[in-house]
Amino acid sequence: MTDAPAIPTAAKPRMRWPLSLIVGAGLTAVVLATALLALVWTPYDVEAVDIAAKLTAPSAAHWMGTDHFGRDVLSMIMAGAQNSLGVAFVAVGIGVGIGTPLGLTAAARGGWIDELVMRGNDLIFAFPALLLAVMITAVMGPGAINAVIAIGVFNIPVFTRVARGAAQGLWTREYVLAARTAGKSKALISLQHILPNLMSLLVVQAAIQFAVGIVAEAGLSYVGLGAQPPAPSWGRMLAEAQTMIGFAPWLAIMPGLAIFVTVLGLSLTGDGLRDLFDPRVRRER
């Protein structure tokens, strides 16, 4: 008696990583590695002044040239990455940590609580992000900490709306209705059933807001309301370079390129994560 032929089974489709995610994650990893490396090593001391070497064009000794004080531009960009990424990361953390609970509460409670939360969001959204940040730092004074607070305040309503909108749709799902029938409180349901299903959406939004935070921090530093000297900052490097762009263009090109690469990497990462987590896109792939 011969064995019955094996019935072939359909191969499970392999998940294809979006190209935008691969490129974006690679660029972001390079920027992050640069910031971490600057914690322990830079080619030159970022605060060292060498007037004899001022406004030196890019060369073997100074790959990105020097500024009007003779400081190495590459070293300043490496150290400035710490400030930009640090401010953006903490600001996004503020938005996630405060905005997400507010959105979950508004979706769970509804009524006047929902109305109060959303009208507060509308009040903050009435001001452009950079203008709001300028207002806060102008009142509280310039500095990296106040820049974090300013950018973080704008991130709060962003994550509140994202969490609320998605949570409202989840409250009608069968597993949530079953949890309510079992006697679970709304707060417990939000933590155990709603929040885990929002994580992918929050991660995508965090990547996008991270890029927005980089631009906002650079803008605040450009107008003198961000990190103060001698701490390096990409935005302040651009501000100092604007009067010398005719004879020392590298002073504006290098920090501008650093901002461009960082924002591009984070934006592509956000787009790639959205495509990866969207089931409709996965089916099309």
Protein backbone atom coordinates (compact mmCIF):
# COMPACT_ATOMS: atom_id res chain seq x y z
CA MET A 1 0.00 0.00 0.00
CA THR A 2 1.51 3.26 -1.10
CA ASP A 3 1.36 6.42 0.90
CA ALA A 4 -1.07 9.04 -0.24
CA PRO A 5 0.60 11.95 -1.99
CA ALA A 6 1.11 14.94 0.22
CA ILE A 7 -1.28 17.77 -0.39
CA PRO A 8 0.69 20.90 -1.13
CA THR A 9 -0.02 23.76 1.21
CA ALA A 10 -0.04 27.36 0.19
CA ALA A 11 3.13 29.10 1.17
CA LYS A 12 2.66 31.90 3.65
CA PRO A 13 3.36 35.17 1.90
CA ARG A 14 6.46 36.88 3.12
CA MET A 15 6.08 40.39 4.48
CA ARG A 16 7.89 42.84 2.25
CA TRP A 17 9.42 45.81 3.99
CA PRO A 18 8.55 49.09 2.24
CA LEU A 19 11.50 50.72 0.50
CA SER A 20 10.70 54.02 2.22
CA LEU A 21 11.04 52.33 5.61
CA ILE A 22 14.40 50.78 4.70
CA VAL A 23 15.83 54.05 3.36
CA GLY A 24 14.33 56.14 6.16
CA ALA A 25 15.51 53.83 8.91
CA GLY A 26 18.99 53.79 7.38
CA LEU A 27 19.22 57.60 7.29
CA THR A 28 17.82 57.89 10.80
CA ALA A 29 20.28 55.29 12.08
CA VAL A 30 23.20 57.26 10.61
CA VAL A 31 22.05 60.47 12.33
CA LEU A 32 21.45 58.67 15.62
CA ALA A 33 24.84 56.97 15.45
CA THR A 34 26.46 60.35 14.79
CA ALA A 35 24.79 61.85 17.85
CA LEU A 36 25.87 58.92 20.03
CA LEU A 37 29.42 59.07 18.70
CA ALA A 38 29.57 62.78 19.57
CA LEU A 39 28.99 61.87 23.21
CA VAL A 40 32.46 60.33 23.38
CA TRP A 41 34.37 61.75 20.39
CA THR A 42 34.42 64.61 17.90
CA PRO A 43 37.29 65.47 15.53
CA TYR A 44 37.88 68.75 17.40
CA ASP A 45 36.68 70.41 20.59
CA VAL A 46 33.41 72.11 19.63
CA GLU A 47 34.20 75.06 21.89
CA ALA A 48 37.83 75.47 20.81
CA VAL A 49 38.48 78.80 19.05
CA ASP A 50 41.25 78.95 16.46
CA ILE A 51 41.23 82.38 14.81
CA ALA A 52 44.18 81.45 12.60
CA ALA A 53 42.04 78.75 10.94
CA LYS A 54 38.82 80.77 10.63
CA LEU A 55 36.68 80.38 7.50
CA THR A 56 38.79 77.53 6.19
CA ALA A 57 37.14 75.75 3.25
CA PRO A 58 36.49 71.99 3.50
CA SER A 59 39.81 70.14 3.42
CA ALA A 60 41.51 67.00 4.69
CA ALA A 61 42.06 68.66 8.07
CA HIS A 62 38.50 70.01 8.34
CA TRP A 63 36.12 67.93 6.24
CA MET A 64 33.32 70.49 6.46
CA GLY A 65 35.46 73.58 6.91
CA THR A 66 35.58 75.99 9.86
CA ASP A 67 33.41 78.92 10.94
CA HIS A 68 34.30 82.55 11.68
CA PHE A 69 35.80 81.53 15.03
CA GLY A 70 37.87 78.72 13.55
CA ARG A 71 35.65 76.02 15.06
CA ASP A 72 35.37 72.74 13.17
CA VAL A 73 31.96 72.59 11.45
CA LEU A 74 31.84 68.77 11.38
CA SER A 75 32.38 68.62 15.15
CA MET A 76 29.66 71.22 15.71
CA ILE A 77 27.19 69.34 13.50
CA MET A 78 27.92 66.09 15.34
CA ALA A 79 27.36 67.76 18.71
CA GLY A 80 24.34 69.65 17.38
CA ALA A 81 22.69 66.34 16.49
CA GLN A 82 22.49 65.57 20.21
CA ASN A 83 20.60 68.79 20.89
CA SER A 84 18.19 68.45 17.96
CA LEU A 85 17.39 64.79 18.55
CA GLY A 86 17.18 65.26 22.32
CA VAL A 87 14.75 68.17 22.11
CA ALA A 88 12.57 66.43 19.51
CA PHE A 89 12.55 63.12 21.41
CA VAL A 90 11.51 64.64 24.73
CA ALA A 91 8.93 66.89 23.04
CA VAL A 92 7.35 63.89 21.30
CA GLY A 93 7.44 62.05 24.62
CA ILE A 94 5.46 64.88 26.20
CA GLY A 95 2.92 64.70 23.40
CA VAL A 96 2.53 60.93 23.69
CA GLY A 97 2.52 60.89 27.50
CA ILE A 98 -0.14 63.58 27.90
CA GLY A 99 -2.03 63.57 24.60
CA THR A 100 -2.68 59.82 24.43
CA PRO A 101 -4.36 59.56 27.88
CA LEU A 102 -6.43 62.66 27.08
CA GLY A 103 -7.59 61.13 23.80
CA LEU A 104 -8.42 57.80 25.40
CA THR A 105 -10.34 59.56 28.19
CA ALA A 106 -12.28 61.71 25.73
CA ALA A 107 -13.27 58.66 23.66
CA ALA A 108 -14.21 56.60 26.72
CA ARG A 109 -16.17 59.21 28.65
CA GLY A 110 -17.72 61.31 25.89
CA GLY A 111 -20.11 64.09 26.81
CA TRP A 112 -18.78 67.28 28.37
CA ILE A 113 -15.35 65.73 29.01
CA ASP A 114 -14.92 64.98 25.31
CA GLU A 115 -16.12 68.47 24.44
CA LEU A 116 -13.75 70.11 26.92
CA VAL A 117 -10.73 68.16 25.66
CA MET A 118 -11.45 68.84 22.00
CA ARG A 119 -12.13 72.57 22.48
CA GLY A 120 -8.82 72.82 24.31
CA ASN A 121 -7.17 71.15 21.32
CA ASP A 122 -8.83 73.64 18.96
CA LEU A 123 -7.46 76.50 21.04
CA ILE A 124 -3.89 75.24 20.68
CA PHE A 125 -4.35 74.41 17.00
CA ALA A 126 -5.50 78.00 16.38
CA PHE A 127 -1.83 79.00 16.45
CA PRO A 128 0.76 77.71 13.97
CA ALA A 129 3.25 75.33 15.59
CA LEU A 130 6.30 77.56 15.25
CA LEU A 131 4.39 80.68 16.30
CA LEU A 132 3.12 78.90 19.40
CA ALA A 133 6.64 77.79 20.23
CA VAL A 134 7.97 81.32 19.75
CA MET A 135 5.26 82.69 22.06
CA ILE A 136 6.06 80.22 24.83
CA THR A 137 9.82 80.64 24.65
CA ALA A 138 9.46 84.42 24.41
CA VAL A 139 7.51 84.42 27.67
CA MET A 140 9.59 81.82 29.52
CA GLY A 141 12.93 82.81 28.02
CA PRO A 142 15.26 81.15 25.50
CA GLY A 143 16.85 77.78 26.18
CA ALA A 144 16.70 74.12 25.27
CA ILE A 145 14.34 73.23 28.14
CA ASN A 146 11.82 75.89 27.16
CA ALA A 147 12.09 74.77 23.54
CA VAL A 148 11.21 71.24 24.65
CA ILE A 149 8.16 72.55 26.53
CA ALA A 150 7.06 74.70 23.60
CA ILE A 151 7.28 71.90 21.03
CA GLY A 152 5.82 69.38 23.48
CA VAL A 153 2.74 71.57 24.08
CA PHE A 154 1.98 71.54 20.36
CA ASN A 155 2.38 67.75 20.21
CA ILE A 156 -0.23 67.18 22.92
CA PRO A 157 -3.33 67.97 20.79
CA VAL A 158 -1.86 66.04 17.85
CA PHE A 159 -1.71 62.80 19.80
CA THR A 160 -4.99 63.59 21.56
CA ARG A 161 -6.83 63.73 18.26
CA VAL A 162 -5.12 60.64 16.88
CA ALA A 163 -5.88 58.58 20.00
CA ARG A 164 -9.45 59.84 20.32
CA GLY A 165 -10.36 59.29 16.67
CA ALA A 166 -9.01 55.75 16.57
CA ALA A 167 -10.38 54.82 20.01
CA GLN A 168 -13.90 55.90 19.11
CA GLY A 169 -13.94 53.34 16.32
CA LEU A 170 -12.60 50.61 18.60
CA TRP A 171 -15.27 51.15 21.25
CA THR A 172 -17.84 49.60 18.88
CA ARG A 173 -15.85 46.37 18.36
CA GLU A 174 -17.18 43.07 19.66
CA TYR A 175 -14.30 42.35 22.04
CA VAL A 176 -14.80 45.75 23.69
CA LEU A 177 -18.53 45.13 24.03
CA ALA A 178 -17.73 41.75 25.58
CA ALA A 179 -15.37 43.38 28.07
CA ARG A 180 -18.04 45.88 29.04
CA THR A 181 -20.54 43.06 29.50
CA ALA A 182 -18.04 41.34 31.79
CA GLY A 183 -18.14 44.40 34.04
CA LYS A 184 -14.76 45.94 33.25
CA SER A 185 -14.44 49.68 33.83
CA LYS A 186 -13.87 52.06 30.95
CA ALA A 187 -10.40 52.88 32.24
CA LEU A 188 -9.42 49.21 32.35
CA ILE A 189 -10.85 48.57 28.90
CA SER A 190 -8.87 51.55 27.55
CA LEU A 191 -5.64 50.14 28.97
CA GLN A 192 -6.15 46.46 28.15
CA HIS A 193 -8.01 46.56 24.84
CA ILE A 194 -7.97 50.03 23.26
CA LEU A 195 -4.38 51.20 23.83
CA PRO A 196 -2.65 48.03 22.50
CA ASN A 197 -4.58 48.38 19.24
CA LEU A 198 -3.49 52.01 18.92
CA MET A 199 0.23 51.40 19.34
CA SER A 200 1.04 51.03 15.64
CA LEU A 201 -0.81 54.24 14.84
CA LEU A 202 0.93 56.09 17.67
CA VAL A 203 4.35 54.87 16.53
CA VAL A 204 3.73 56.16 13.01
CA GLN A 205 2.53 59.52 14.32
CA ALA A 206 5.52 59.74 16.67
CA ALA A 207 7.93 59.32 13.76
CA ILE A 208 6.17 62.09 11.84
CA GLN A 209 6.12 64.43 14.85
CA PHE A 210 9.78 63.67 15.46
CA ALA A 211 10.55 65.20 12.07
CA VAL A 212 8.34 68.19 12.86
CA GLY A 213 10.17 68.59 16.17
CA ILE A 214 13.56 68.72 14.41
CA VAL A 215 12.35 71.53 12.17
CA ALA A 216 10.72 73.39 15.07
CA GLU A 217 13.88 73.17 17.19
CA ALA A 218 15.98 74.44 14.30
CA GLY A 219 13.53 77.30 13.77
CA LEU A 220 13.61 78.31 17.43
CA SER A 221 17.41 78.19 17.49
CA TYR A 222 17.53 80.20 14.28
CA VAL A 223 15.68 83.11 15.93
CA GLY A 224 17.69 82.75 19.14
CA LEU A 225 15.06 81.05 21.30
CA GLY A 226 16.50 77.53 21.32
CA ALA A 227 19.71 76.17 22.81
CA GLN A 228 22.04 78.96 23.83
CA PRO A 229 25.80 79.27 23.22
CA PRO A 230 28.15 77.55 23.64
CA ALA A 231 25.88 74.53 23.02
CA PRO A 232 25.97 73.77 19.27
CA SER A 233 22.70 73.97 17.37
CA TRP A 234 21.94 73.43 13.68
CA GLY A 235 19.47 76.31 13.61
CA ARG A 236 21.87 78.79 15.18
CA MET A 237 24.61 77.66 12.79
CA LEU A 238 22.29 78.62 9.92
CA ALA A 239 21.56 81.99 11.52
CA GLU A 240 25.26 82.75 11.96
CA ALA A 241 26.01 81.69 8.37
CA GLN A 242 23.46 83.92 6.63
CA THR A 243 25.79 86.94 6.51
CA MET A 244 28.71 84.86 5.19
CA ILE A 245 27.00 82.70 2.62
CA GLY A 246 28.60 84.63 -0.25
CA PHE A 247 32.19 83.76 0.66
CA ALA A 248 31.73 80.77 3.02
CA PRO A 249 28.72 78.82 1.67
CA TRP A 250 29.67 75.64 3.51
CA LEU A 251 28.61 77.26 6.79
CA ALA A 252 25.00 77.20 5.60
CA ILE A 253 25.13 74.11 3.40
CA MET A 254 26.41 71.70 6.05
CA PRO A 255 23.85 72.34 8.84
CA GLY A 256 21.10 72.69 6.23
CA LEU A 257 22.06 69.30 4.81
CA ALA A 258 22.06 67.80 8.33
CA ILE A 259 18.51 69.05 8.93
CA PHE A 260 17.39 67.85 5.49
CA VAL A 261 18.80 64.33 5.93
CA THR A 262 17.35 63.97 9.43
CA VAL A 263 13.86 65.17 8.48
CA LEU A 264 13.90 63.09 5.29
CA GLY A 265 14.90 59.97 7.19
CA LEU A 266 12.21 60.42 9.84
CA SER A 267 9.53 61.26 7.27
CA LEU A 268 10.36 58.21 5.16
CA THR A 269 10.38 56.07 8.31
CA GLY A 270 6.91 57.35 9.23
CA ASP A 271 5.58 56.67 5.73
CA GLY A 272 7.15 53.22 5.70
CA LEU A 273 5.71 52.30 9.09
CA ARG A 274 2.27 53.45 7.97
CA ASP A 275 2.49 51.24 4.88
CA LEU A 276 3.80 48.33 6.95
CA PHE A 277 1.02 48.51 9.54
CA ASP A 278 -1.82 49.22 7.08
CA PRO A 279 -3.49 45.87 6.24
CA ARG A 280 -4.83 47.23 2.95
CA VAL A 281 -1.33 48.07 1.77
CA ARG A 282 -0.03 44.65 2.90
CA ARG A 283 -2.74 42.91 0.86
CA GLU A 284 -1.82 44.93 -2.21
CA ARG A 285 1.80 43.86 -1.77
